[in-house]
């Protein structure tokens, strides 16, 4: 099979090499061999290639942490599934492995590319908004990086929950994307102060829930416009800066700082992941959520796709299609 390999850590475009004649991975107990139909590019892919992610597979490895694939043998042959491939055999290849217990049916309402992008980003947004922040209808939700893969999921799920969604983006093009997703208010952080915009939009009260996959200045500003008894959910640090929150500030203003490491639920509470998938499938079948796929590229273009995401230039999800 063909598969992209990382033999040394660095920038995706520089270190990803296409192997033309790799042996297919062999399914072990409890695993499924799938033909990759589509692989969504995630920011962790770029971090993993750079050696900056918390999961560090041994070199060489095939990157790609999310896919939609078709089971090629056994009792489940022909099933279309989504999930996280078993590293070091990642998704940017013609074949990959899935743990049978953590592979979920792809919603019929979604094509391969859309289905491949439903898992990580939407699960992350679901757990952040519902399990961690307990978002309620009528509350104000502030979403950072709202035109990105996980941010766009949070916008859609926030709207589905009946929240008023304020989307923060970087640039006019991404602002148009956030409006198309249904955000009630879009703030271009390159042109205006999102803190002032949130305060004005809420009559000075602030946001009830903040969804923050960015960190850095996004977190700092969020703490300035969080409402009484508000909840800031820390999802990631795409800005590259891990904030050091002032806990006395959280005490004085009565707000909560919540962490979300979605991957931990796969081992600690897999039944919750299953339940979230069932809810996301219902929303997809009802047309309420649909992953934003901004580009569909062939396997040969995987390094450029990962680099594009690494450089913060992507909107929604770029998806690498199987042949």
Protein backbone atom coordinates (compact mmCIF):
# COMPACT_ATOMS: atom_id res chain seq x y z
CA UNK A 1 0.00 0.00 0.00
CA UNK A 2 0.94 3.68 -0.19
CA UNK A 3 1.37 5.55 3.07
CA UNK A 4 2.96 8.77 4.24
CA UNK A 5 5.81 8.21 6.69
CA UNK A 6 7.54 10.49 9.18
CA UNK A 7 11.11 9.36 9.78
CA UNK A 8 12.28 12.54 11.49
CA UNK A 9 10.39 15.29 13.27
CA UNK A 10 9.86 18.70 11.71
CA UNK A 11 7.56 20.69 9.45
CA UNK A 12 5.02 18.43 7.70
CA UNK A 13 5.89 19.53 4.18
CA UNK A 14 9.56 18.81 4.83
CA UNK A 15 9.52 15.50 6.71
CA UNK A 16 6.52 13.56 5.38
CA UNK A 17 7.68 11.03 2.75
CA UNK A 18 5.46 8.84 0.59
CA UNK A 19 6.22 5.12 0.79
CA UNK A 20 4.86 3.35 -2.30
CA UNK A 21 5.18 -0.29 -1.25
CA UNK A 22 4.55 -0.55 2.49
CA UNK A 23 3.00 -3.72 3.82
CA UNK A 24 -0.57 -3.38 4.96
CA UNK A 25 -0.95 -3.32 8.75
CA UNK A 26 -2.14 -6.59 10.25
CA UNK A 27 -5.17 -6.50 12.53
CA UNK A 28 -4.55 -7.87 16.00
CA UNK A 29 -7.14 -9.08 18.52
CA UNK A 30 -10.02 -6.63 18.74
CA UNK A 31 -8.85 -4.63 15.72
CA UNK A 32 -10.29 -4.02 12.25
CA UNK A 33 -8.40 -3.48 9.01
CA UNK A 34 -10.08 -0.71 7.01
CA UNK A 35 -9.57 0.81 3.60
CA UNK A 36 -9.28 4.54 4.21
CA UNK A 37 -12.03 6.35 2.34
CA UNK A 38 -11.31 9.79 3.84
CA UNK A 39 -9.02 11.22 6.52
CA UNK A 40 -9.72 14.58 8.15
CA UNK A 41 -6.65 16.71 8.91
CA UNK A 42 -6.46 17.86 12.53
CA UNK A 43 -4.11 20.28 14.31
CA UNK A 44 -2.77 17.37 16.42
CA UNK A 45 -1.48 15.85 13.17
CA UNK A 46 0.81 18.83 12.73
CA UNK A 47 1.86 18.78 16.39
CA UNK A 48 2.63 15.06 16.18
CA UNK A 49 4.78 15.50 13.07
CA UNK A 50 6.65 18.30 14.84
CA UNK A 51 7.06 16.19 17.99
CA UNK A 52 5.02 18.62 20.09
CA UNK A 53 1.98 16.44 20.82
CA UNK A 54 1.37 14.49 24.03
CA UNK A 55 1.19 11.28 21.97
CA UNK A 56 4.56 10.50 20.40
CA UNK A 57 4.55 7.34 18.30
CA UNK A 58 7.94 5.78 17.60
CA UNK A 59 9.66 6.76 14.37
CA UNK A 60 8.85 6.07 11.63
CA UNK A 61 5.08 6.47 11.81
CA UNK A 62 2.18 7.34 9.55
CA UNK A 63 0.32 10.46 10.76
CA UNK A 64 -3.42 11.02 10.62
CA UNK A 65 -5.63 10.68 13.70
CA UNK A 66 -9.16 10.59 12.24
CA UNK A 67 -10.75 8.67 9.38
CA UNK A 68 -13.75 7.19 7.69
CA UNK A 69 -12.96 3.70 6.44
CA UNK A 70 -14.52 0.54 5.07
CA UNK A 71 -13.85 -2.76 6.81
CA UNK A 72 -12.11 -5.07 4.33
CA UNK A 73 -12.48 -8.51 5.93
CA UNK A 74 -14.14 -10.50 8.69
CA UNK A 75 -17.71 -10.46 9.93
CA UNK A 76 -17.95 -6.66 9.61
CA UNK A 77 -16.67 -6.52 6.03
CA UNK A 78 -18.16 -3.62 4.09
CA UNK A 79 -19.16 -1.57 7.12
CA UNK A 80 -18.40 2.16 6.88
CA UNK A 81 -16.91 3.30 10.18
CA UNK A 82 -15.32 6.38 11.71
CA UNK A 83 -12.74 6.56 14.45
CA UNK A 84 -9.14 7.09 15.47
CA UNK A 85 -6.62 4.78 13.76
CA UNK A 86 -4.24 2.70 15.84
CA UNK A 87 -0.84 4.39 15.66
CA UNK A 88 1.78 4.10 14.28
CA UNK A 89 -0.50 3.18 11.33
CA UNK A 90 -2.22 6.54 10.89
CA UNK A 91 -4.91 7.66 8.48
CA UNK A 92 -2.77 9.15 5.70
CA UNK A 93 -2.47 5.79 4.00
CA UNK A 94 -4.55 3.46 1.88
CA UNK A 95 -5.21 1.12 4.82
CA UNK A 96 -5.27 1.56 8.60
CA UNK A 97 -6.39 -0.20 11.78
CA UNK A 98 -9.27 0.69 14.09
CA UNK A 99 -10.01 -0.67 17.55
CA UNK A 100 -13.34 -2.43 17.09
CA UNK A 101 -14.62 -1.16 20.43
CA UNK A 102 -13.92 2.49 19.49
CA UNK A 103 -15.13 2.43 15.88
CA UNK A 104 -18.54 3.91 15.17
CA UNK A 105 -20.96 3.67 12.25
CA UNK A 106 -20.64 6.59 9.85
CA UNK A 107 -23.94 8.51 9.68
CA UNK A 108 -25.74 7.78 6.43
CA UNK A 109 -26.54 11.48 6.02
CA UNK A 110 -22.85 12.32 5.65
CA UNK A 111 -20.51 11.49 2.77
CA UNK A 112 -17.08 10.01 3.45
CA UNK A 113 -15.30 13.35 3.84
CA UNK A 114 -17.95 14.79 6.17
CA UNK A 115 -18.13 11.59 8.21
CA UNK A 116 -14.35 11.55 8.66
CA UNK A 117 -14.59 15.00 10.26
CA UNK A 118 -17.42 14.18 12.68
CA UNK A 119 -15.41 12.37 15.33
CA UNK A 120 -12.67 14.35 17.08
CA UNK A 121 -13.88 17.91 16.61
CA UNK A 122 -17.54 17.24 17.28
CA UNK A 123 -16.89 14.91 20.20
CA UNK A 124 -14.58 17.56 21.68
CA UNK A 125 -17.19 20.29 21.25
CA UNK A 126 -19.97 18.06 22.58
CA UNK A 127 -18.08 17.12 25.75
CA UNK A 128 -16.91 20.69 26.28
CA UNK A 129 -20.33 22.26 25.96
CA UNK A 130 -22.55 19.59 27.47
CA UNK A 131 -20.55 17.46 29.89
CA UNK A 132 -18.08 20.05 31.17
CA UNK A 133 -19.82 23.44 30.83
CA UNK A 134 -23.45 22.24 31.06
CA UNK A 135 -24.51 24.80 28.46
CA UNK A 136 -28.17 25.78 28.75
CA UNK A 137 -30.61 27.16 26.22
CA UNK A 138 -30.64 30.95 26.26
CA UNK A 139 -27.07 31.30 27.50
CA UNK A 140 -24.37 33.16 25.60
CA UNK A 141 -21.56 31.02 24.19
CA UNK A 142 -18.27 32.58 23.07
CA UNK A 143 -16.34 30.43 20.59
CA UNK A 144 -12.74 31.16 19.66
CA UNK A 145 -11.28 30.04 16.31
CA UNK A 146 -14.89 29.63 15.25
CA UNK A 147 -14.08 28.98 11.58
CA UNK A 148 -11.67 26.14 12.38
CA UNK A 149 -12.39 22.44 12.58
CA UNK A 150 -13.28 22.21 16.26
CA UNK A 151 -14.55 25.79 16.52
CA UNK A 152 -17.03 25.33 13.69
CA UNK A 153 -18.33 22.23 15.48
CA UNK A 154 -18.81 24.26 18.67
CA UNK A 155 -20.75 26.94 16.77
CA UNK A 156 -23.13 24.36 15.29
CA UNK A 157 -23.60 22.48 18.55
CA UNK A 158 -24.09 25.71 20.49
CA UNK A 159 -26.83 26.75 18.10
CA UNK A 160 -28.39 23.29 18.35
CA UNK A 161 -28.46 23.67 22.16
CA UNK A 162 -30.37 26.95 21.91
CA UNK A 163 -27.47 29.19 22.95
CA UNK A 164 -26.67 32.62 21.56
CA UNK A 165 -23.32 32.14 19.82
CA UNK A 166 -20.63 34.82 19.54
CA UNK A 167 -17.89 33.67 17.15
CA UNK A 168 -14.35 35.06 17.23
CA UNK A 169 -12.29 34.62 14.05
CA UNK A 170 -9.15 35.97 12.43
CA UNK A 171 -9.87 37.77 9.17
CA UNK A 172 -12.80 38.71 6.88
CA UNK A 173 -12.91 35.36 5.02
CA UNK A 174 -13.20 33.41 8.26
CA UNK A 175 -15.84 35.88 9.44
CA UNK A 176 -17.98 35.00 6.43
CA UNK A 177 -17.55 31.31 7.25
CA UNK A 178 -18.70 31.82 10.84
CA UNK A 179 -21.77 33.74 9.67
CA UNK A 180 -22.64 30.92 7.28
CA UNK A 181 -22.39 28.48 10.20
CA UNK A 182 -25.14 30.39 11.98
CA UNK A 183 -23.27 32.42 14.58
CA UNK A 184 -25.43 35.20 16.02
CA UNK A 185 -22.53 37.64 16.22
CA UNK A 186 -19.14 37.40 14.51
CA UNK A 187 -16.10 39.29 15.77
CA UNK A 188 -12.97 39.64 13.64
CA UNK A 189 -10.22 39.85 16.24
CA UNK A 190 -7.83 41.38 13.67
CA UNK A 191 -10.11 44.41 13.34
CA UNK A 192 -11.83 44.81 16.71
CA UNK A 193 -11.52 44.01 20.40
CA UNK A 194 -13.56 40.89 21.11
CA UNK A 195 -13.74 41.72 24.83
CA UNK A 196 -15.50 45.01 24.15
CA UNK A 197 -17.73 43.37 21.55
CA UNK A 198 -18.86 40.66 23.99
CA UNK A 199 -19.58 43.16 26.73
CA UNK A 200 -21.57 45.37 24.37
CA UNK A 201 -23.55 42.43 22.97
CA UNK A 202 -24.46 41.16 26.45
CA UNK A 203 -25.20 44.50 28.08
CA UNK A 204 -22.06 44.21 30.18
CA UNK A 205 -22.93 40.78 31.59
CA UNK A 206 -20.40 38.76 29.57
CA UNK A 207 -20.40 35.26 28.10
CA UNK A 208 -21.83 32.39 30.13
CA UNK A 209 -19.60 29.80 28.46
CA UNK A 210 -16.29 30.24 26.61
CA UNK A 211 -14.99 27.55 24.27
CA UNK A 212 -11.23 28.14 23.95
CA UNK A 213 -9.03 25.95 21.74
CA UNK A 214 -6.53 28.81 21.29
CA UNK A 215 -5.05 29.88 24.63
CA UNK A 216 -2.74 32.89 24.85
CA UNK A 217 -4.53 36.21 24.34
CA UNK A 218 -7.82 34.43 23.66
CA UNK A 219 -7.88 33.06 27.20
CA UNK A 220 -6.68 36.32 28.75
CA UNK A 221 -9.42 38.27 27.03
CA UNK A 222 -12.05 35.67 27.87
CA UNK A 223 -11.38 36.09 31.58
CA UNK A 224 -12.18 39.79 31.12
CA UNK A 225 -15.60 39.16 29.60
CA UNK A 226 -16.82 36.06 31.42
CA UNK A 227 -20.19 36.34 33.16
CA UNK A 228 -21.01 35.76 36.81
CA UNK A 229 -20.92 31.98 37.32
CA UNK A 230 -19.56 31.61 33.79
CA UNK A 231 -17.46 28.67 32.61
CA UNK A 232 -14.29 28.84 30.52
CA UNK A 233 -13.52 25.49 28.89
CA UNK A 234 -9.83 25.11 28.01
CA UNK A 235 -9.67 22.87 24.95
CA UNK A 236 -6.22 23.52 23.51
CA UNK A 237 -3.42 25.97 22.83
CA UNK A 238 -3.35 26.58 19.08
CA UNK A 239 -1.72 29.96 19.70
CA UNK A 240 1.28 28.16 21.15
CA UNK A 241 1.03 29.96 24.48
CA UNK A 242 -0.25 28.20 27.59
CA UNK A 243 -1.85 30.80 29.86
CA UNK A 244 -1.23 30.98 33.59
CA UNK A 245 -4.67 31.90 34.98
CA UNK A 246 -4.94 34.19 37.97
CA UNK A 247 -6.96 32.07 40.38
CA UNK A 248 -7.70 35.06 42.58
CA UNK A 249 -9.49 36.59 39.58
CA UNK A 250 -11.60 33.44 39.17
CA UNK A 251 -12.44 33.61 42.86
CA UNK A 252 -13.42 37.28 42.87
CA UNK A 253 -15.55 37.05 39.72
CA UNK A 254 -17.11 33.66 40.54
CA UNK A 255 -16.30 31.81 37.33
CA UNK A 256 -15.01 28.32 36.65
CA UNK A 257 -12.02 27.20 34.60
CA UNK A 258 -12.64 23.74 33.16
CA UNK A 259 -10.17 21.53 31.32
CA UNK A 260 -11.14 19.14 28.56
CA UNK A 261 -8.93 16.29 27.34
CA UNK A 262 -11.42 14.42 25.19
CA UNK A 263 -9.07 11.53 24.44
CA UNK A 264 -9.11 10.55 28.10
CA UNK A 265 -12.79 9.62 27.85
CA UNK A 266 -11.89 6.84 25.43
CA UNK A 267 -10.20 4.98 28.28
CA UNK A 268 -12.01 6.34 31.35
CA UNK A 269 -15.61 6.55 30.07
CA UNK A 270 -15.97 4.94 26.64
CA UNK A 271 -19.73 4.61 27.15
CA UNK A 272 -19.93 8.41 27.23
CA UNK A 273 -18.13 8.59 23.86
CA UNK A 274 -20.63 6.09 22.45
CA UNK A 275 -23.55 8.13 23.78
CA UNK A 276 -22.14 11.33 22.30
CA UNK A 277 -21.74 9.62 18.91
CA UNK A 278 -25.38 8.56 19.02
CA UNK A 279 -26.47 12.14 19.75
CA UNK A 280 -24.22 13.53 17.00
CA UNK A 281 -25.60 10.99 14.55
CA UNK A 282 -29.16 12.09 15.34
CA UNK A 283 -28.18 15.73 14.77
CA UNK A 284 -26.45 14.85 11.50
CA UNK A 285 -29.44 12.83 10.28
CA UNK A 286 -31.70 15.76 11.15
CA UNK A 287 -29.47 18.15 9.21
CA UNK A 288 -28.70 20.20 12.31
CA UNK A 289 -24.95 19.62 12.15
CA UNK A 290 -22.80 19.01 9.10
CA UNK A 291 -19.00 19.13 9.27
CA UNK A 292 -17.55 22.04 7.33
CA UNK A 293 -15.23 20.50 4.73
CA UNK A 294 -13.42 23.33 3.00
CA UNK A 295 -11.19 21.21 0.76
CA UNK A 296 -10.96 17.62 -0.43
CA UNK A 297 -7.51 16.65 -1.61
CA UNK A 298 -5.89 13.43 -2.90
CA UNK A 299 -3.51 11.32 -0.82
CA UNK A 300 -0.56 12.83 -2.70
CA UNK A 301 -1.39 16.26 -1.24
CA UNK A 302 -1.44 15.19 2.42
CA UNK A 303 1.78 17.02 3.46
CA UNK A 304 0.54 20.32 2.02
CA UNK A 305 -2.81 19.83 3.77
CA UNK A 306 -1.17 19.20 7.15
CA UNK A 307 1.15 22.17 6.64
CA UNK A 308 -1.82 24.39 5.77
CA UNK A 309 -3.49 23.46 9.06
CA UNK A 310 -0.21 23.85 10.96
CA UNK A 311 0.15 27.40 9.62
CA UNK A 312 -3.36 28.37 10.73
CA UNK A 313 -4.59 28.96 7.19
CA UNK A 314 -7.40 26.41 7.02
CA UNK A 315 -11.14 26.87 7.39
CA UNK A 316 -13.20 24.00 8.74
CA UNK A 317 -11.60 20.69 7.86
CA UNK A 318 -9.33 19.74 4.98
CA UNK A 319 -9.95 16.10 4.12
CA UNK A 320 -7.54 13.72 2.40
CA UNK A 321 -9.54 11.37 0.20
CA UNK A 322 -8.81 7.72 -0.37
CA UNK A 323 -8.26 6.54 -3.93
